[in-house]
Amino acid sequence: MVRVPAGMRKPVLVMSTDGVGTKVLVALQARRYDTVGEDLVNHSVNDILVHGARGIAFMDYVAGAGLGVDELAGIVDGV
């Protein structure tokens, strides 16, 4: 749930999502996972900001069936 701030007239909610795709492939080759989560957040935030929107909430998820515990922990710790 997202509460629309009081006083906003005709609010329009702008949403964005980004998949890891190539980011994880590069991270696996480099054995460096701490930048993947940060990269996802930055892409989603930038996609919203370019429309002149203001952030009021952020939601993301991690899906990594092919990743081990250490790799997933590195992604989450990097955020």
N, C-alpha and C. Protein backbone atom coordinates (compact mmCIF):
# COMPACT_ATOMS: atom_id res chain seq x y z
N MET A 1 0.84 -1.17 0.00
CA MET A 1 0.00 0.00 0.00
C MET A 1 0.89 1.24 0.00
N VAL A 2 0.45 2.23 -0.71
CA VAL A 2 1.17 3.50 -0.75
C VAL A 2 0.16 4.59 -0.40
N ARG A 3 0.46 5.35 0.61
CA ARG A 3 -0.42 6.45 1.00
C ARG A 3 -0.02 7.68 0.19
N VAL A 4 -0.99 8.28 -0.49
CA VAL A 4 -0.73 9.50 -1.24
C VAL A 4 -0.70 10.64 -0.23
N PRO A 5 0.40 11.43 -0.25
CA PRO A 5 0.51 12.54 0.72
C PRO A 5 -0.68 13.49 0.66
N ALA A 6 -1.14 13.92 1.82
CA ALA A 6 -2.26 14.85 1.91
C ALA A 6 -1.95 16.13 1.15
N GLY A 7 -2.94 16.69 0.52
CA GLY A 7 -2.76 17.96 -0.18
C GLY A 7 -2.36 17.82 -1.64
N MET A 8 -2.05 16.62 -2.08
CA MET A 8 -1.69 16.44 -3.49
C MET A 8 -2.95 16.51 -4.33
N ARG A 9 -2.91 17.29 -5.39
CA ARG A 9 -4.05 17.40 -6.30
C ARG A 9 -3.80 16.55 -7.53
N LYS A 10 -4.76 15.76 -7.89
CA LYS A 10 -4.68 14.90 -9.07
C LYS A 10 -3.37 14.12 -9.11
N PRO A 11 -3.08 13.34 -8.08
CA PRO A 11 -1.80 12.61 -8.06
C PRO A 11 -1.73 11.54 -9.16
N VAL A 12 -0.56 11.38 -9.70
CA VAL A 12 -0.28 10.32 -10.67
C VAL A 12 0.88 9.51 -10.11
N LEU A 13 0.68 8.22 -9.91
CA LEU A 13 1.74 7.38 -9.39
C LEU A 13 2.58 6.87 -10.56
N VAL A 14 3.88 7.11 -10.53
CA VAL A 14 4.82 6.67 -11.56
C VAL A 14 5.61 5.51 -10.99
N MET A 15 5.62 4.38 -11.70
CA MET A 15 6.31 3.20 -11.20
C MET A 15 7.35 2.72 -12.20
N SER A 16 8.35 2.03 -11.69
CA SER A 16 9.40 1.50 -12.55
C SER A 16 9.89 0.18 -11.97
N THR A 17 10.34 -0.69 -12.83
CA THR A 17 10.97 -1.93 -12.38
C THR A 17 12.14 -2.22 -13.31
N ASP A 18 13.12 -2.90 -12.80
CA ASP A 18 14.31 -3.21 -13.60
C ASP A 18 14.75 -4.62 -13.26
N GLY A 19 15.13 -5.37 -14.26
CA GLY A 19 15.63 -6.72 -14.04
C GLY A 19 17.14 -6.74 -14.02
N VAL A 20 17.70 -7.74 -13.38
CA VAL A 20 19.15 -7.80 -13.27
C VAL A 20 19.83 -8.24 -14.55
N GLY A 21 19.24 -9.20 -15.26
CA GLY A 21 19.76 -9.64 -16.55
C GLY A 21 21.27 -9.68 -16.65
N THR A 22 21.79 -8.81 -17.50
CA THR A 22 23.23 -8.79 -17.79
C THR A 22 24.06 -8.40 -16.57
N LYS A 23 23.47 -7.64 -15.66
CA LYS A 23 24.20 -7.20 -14.47
C LYS A 23 24.72 -8.41 -13.68
N VAL A 24 23.89 -9.45 -13.55
CA VAL A 24 24.31 -10.63 -12.79
C VAL A 24 25.37 -11.41 -13.55
N LEU A 25 25.25 -11.48 -14.88
CA LEU A 25 26.27 -12.18 -15.66
C LEU A 25 27.64 -11.53 -15.50
N VAL A 26 27.66 -10.20 -15.53
CA VAL A 26 28.92 -9.47 -15.33
C VAL A 26 29.42 -9.69 -13.90
N ALA A 27 28.52 -9.62 -12.92
CA ALA A 27 28.89 -9.82 -11.52
C ALA A 27 29.47 -11.22 -11.29
N LEU A 28 28.87 -12.23 -11.92
CA LEU A 28 29.37 -13.59 -11.78
C LEU A 28 30.78 -13.72 -12.33
N GLN A 29 31.04 -13.11 -13.49
CA GLN A 29 32.38 -13.18 -14.08
C GLN A 29 33.40 -12.43 -13.23
N ALA A 30 32.99 -11.31 -12.65
CA ALA A 30 33.90 -10.51 -11.83
C ALA A 30 33.97 -11.01 -10.39
N ARG A 31 33.06 -11.93 -10.04
CA ARG A 31 32.94 -12.41 -8.65
C ARG A 31 32.77 -11.24 -7.68
N ARG A 32 31.98 -10.28 -8.12
CA ARG A 32 31.69 -9.10 -7.30
C ARG A 32 30.20 -8.82 -7.39
N TYR A 33 29.51 -8.93 -6.27
CA TYR A 33 28.06 -8.86 -6.27
C TYR A 33 27.52 -7.64 -5.54
N ASP A 34 28.39 -6.89 -4.89
CA ASP A 34 27.94 -5.79 -4.05
C ASP A 34 27.43 -4.58 -4.83
N THR A 35 27.59 -4.55 -6.14
CA THR A 35 27.12 -3.40 -6.92
C THR A 35 25.79 -3.67 -7.63
N VAL A 36 25.35 -4.92 -7.67
CA VAL A 36 24.15 -5.28 -8.42
C VAL A 36 22.91 -4.63 -7.81
N GLY A 37 22.73 -4.76 -6.52
CA GLY A 37 21.55 -4.17 -5.85
C GLY A 37 21.53 -2.66 -5.97
N GLU A 38 22.69 -2.05 -5.78
CA GLU A 38 22.78 -0.59 -5.91
C GLU A 38 22.42 -0.15 -7.33
N ASP A 39 22.89 -0.89 -8.31
CA ASP A 39 22.60 -0.59 -9.71
C ASP A 39 21.10 -0.67 -10.00
N LEU A 40 20.44 -1.68 -9.45
CA LEU A 40 18.99 -1.81 -9.64
C LEU A 40 18.23 -0.64 -9.05
N VAL A 41 18.60 -0.25 -7.85
CA VAL A 41 17.93 0.89 -7.21
C VAL A 41 18.15 2.15 -8.02
N ASN A 42 19.39 2.40 -8.43
CA ASN A 42 19.68 3.61 -9.21
C ASN A 42 18.91 3.66 -10.51
N HIS A 43 18.82 2.53 -11.23
CA HIS A 43 18.07 2.53 -12.49
C HIS A 43 16.60 2.82 -12.27
N SER A 44 16.01 2.21 -11.26
CA SER A 44 14.59 2.43 -10.99
C SER A 44 14.33 3.88 -10.58
N VAL A 45 15.17 4.41 -9.71
CA VAL A 45 15.01 5.79 -9.26
C VAL A 45 15.20 6.76 -10.42
N ASN A 46 16.21 6.55 -11.24
CA ASN A 46 16.45 7.44 -12.38
C ASN A 46 15.29 7.40 -13.37
N ASP A 47 14.72 6.20 -13.62
CA ASP A 47 13.59 6.09 -14.53
C ASP A 47 12.41 6.94 -14.06
N ILE A 48 12.24 7.05 -12.77
CA ILE A 48 11.14 7.84 -12.21
C ILE A 48 11.47 9.33 -12.22
N LEU A 49 12.69 9.67 -11.83
CA LEU A 49 13.08 11.08 -11.75
C LEU A 49 13.04 11.80 -13.09
N VAL A 50 13.37 11.11 -14.18
CA VAL A 50 13.38 11.77 -15.49
C VAL A 50 11.99 12.22 -15.92
N HIS A 51 10.96 11.70 -15.26
CA HIS A 51 9.59 12.12 -15.55
C HIS A 51 9.16 13.27 -14.64
N GLY A 52 10.07 13.75 -13.81
CA GLY A 52 9.74 14.83 -12.89
C GLY A 52 8.96 14.36 -11.68
N ALA A 53 8.92 13.05 -11.48
CA ALA A 53 8.17 12.51 -10.35
C ALA A 53 9.01 12.55 -9.08
N ARG A 54 8.35 12.48 -7.96
CA ARG A 54 9.00 12.50 -6.65
C ARG A 54 8.76 11.17 -5.97
N GLY A 55 9.81 10.57 -5.44
CA GLY A 55 9.68 9.28 -4.80
C GLY A 55 8.93 9.33 -3.49
N ILE A 56 7.97 8.42 -3.31
CA ILE A 56 7.29 8.30 -2.02
C ILE A 56 7.37 6.87 -1.48
N ALA A 57 7.84 5.92 -2.31
CA ALA A 57 7.98 4.53 -1.87
C ALA A 57 8.93 3.81 -2.82
N PHE A 58 9.51 2.72 -2.33
CA PHE A 58 10.36 1.90 -3.18
C PHE A 58 10.16 0.44 -2.80
N MET A 59 9.99 -0.42 -3.81
CA MET A 59 9.84 -1.84 -3.55
C MET A 59 10.68 -2.60 -4.57
N ASP A 60 11.37 -3.61 -4.11
CA ASP A 60 12.17 -4.43 -5.00
C ASP A 60 12.14 -5.86 -4.47
N TYR A 61 12.67 -6.78 -5.22
CA TYR A 61 12.74 -8.17 -4.82
C TYR A 61 14.02 -8.78 -5.37
N VAL A 62 14.40 -9.91 -4.83
CA VAL A 62 15.56 -10.64 -5.33
C VAL A 62 15.09 -12.04 -5.74
N ALA A 63 15.35 -12.40 -6.98
CA ALA A 63 15.05 -13.75 -7.47
C ALA A 63 16.36 -14.30 -8.02
N GLY A 64 16.85 -15.34 -7.42
CA GLY A 64 18.15 -15.86 -7.85
C GLY A 64 18.27 -17.35 -7.69
N ALA A 65 17.45 -18.09 -8.40
CA ALA A 65 17.48 -19.55 -8.28
C ALA A 65 18.84 -20.14 -8.62
N GLY A 66 19.59 -19.50 -9.52
CA GLY A 66 20.88 -20.02 -9.92
C GLY A 66 22.04 -19.49 -9.09
N LEU A 67 21.73 -18.66 -8.10
CA LEU A 67 22.78 -18.06 -7.28
C LEU A 67 22.85 -18.76 -5.92
N GLY A 68 24.03 -18.81 -5.35
CA GLY A 68 24.22 -19.38 -4.03
C GLY A 68 23.96 -18.35 -2.94
N VAL A 69 24.01 -18.80 -1.71
CA VAL A 69 23.76 -17.92 -0.56
C VAL A 69 24.76 -16.76 -0.52
N ASP A 70 26.04 -17.03 -0.78
CA ASP A 70 27.05 -15.97 -0.72
C ASP A 70 26.81 -14.90 -1.78
N GLU A 71 26.44 -15.33 -2.98
CA GLU A 71 26.17 -14.37 -4.05
C GLU A 71 24.96 -13.50 -3.73
N LEU A 72 23.88 -14.12 -3.27
CA LEU A 72 22.68 -13.36 -2.91
C LEU A 72 22.96 -12.41 -1.75
N ALA A 73 23.72 -12.86 -0.76
CA ALA A 73 24.07 -12.00 0.37
C ALA A 73 24.87 -10.80 -0.12
N GLY A 74 25.76 -10.99 -1.08
CA GLY A 74 26.54 -9.89 -1.62
C GLY A 74 25.67 -8.87 -2.33
N ILE A 75 24.66 -9.33 -3.04
CA ILE A 75 23.73 -8.42 -3.73
C ILE A 75 22.96 -7.60 -2.71
N VAL A 76 22.40 -8.26 -1.71
CA VAL A 76 21.58 -7.57 -0.71
C VAL A 76 22.44 -6.63 0.14
N ASP A 77 23.63 -7.04 0.51
CA ASP A 77 24.52 -6.20 1.32
C ASP A 77 24.94 -4.95 0.57
N GLY A 78 24.97 -5.02 -0.77
CA GLY A 78 25.41 -3.88 -1.57
C GLY A 78 24.41 -2.76 -1.67
N VAL A 79 23.18 -3.00 -1.22
CA VAL A 79 22.14 -1.96 -1.37
C VAL A 79 22.26 -0.93 -0.29
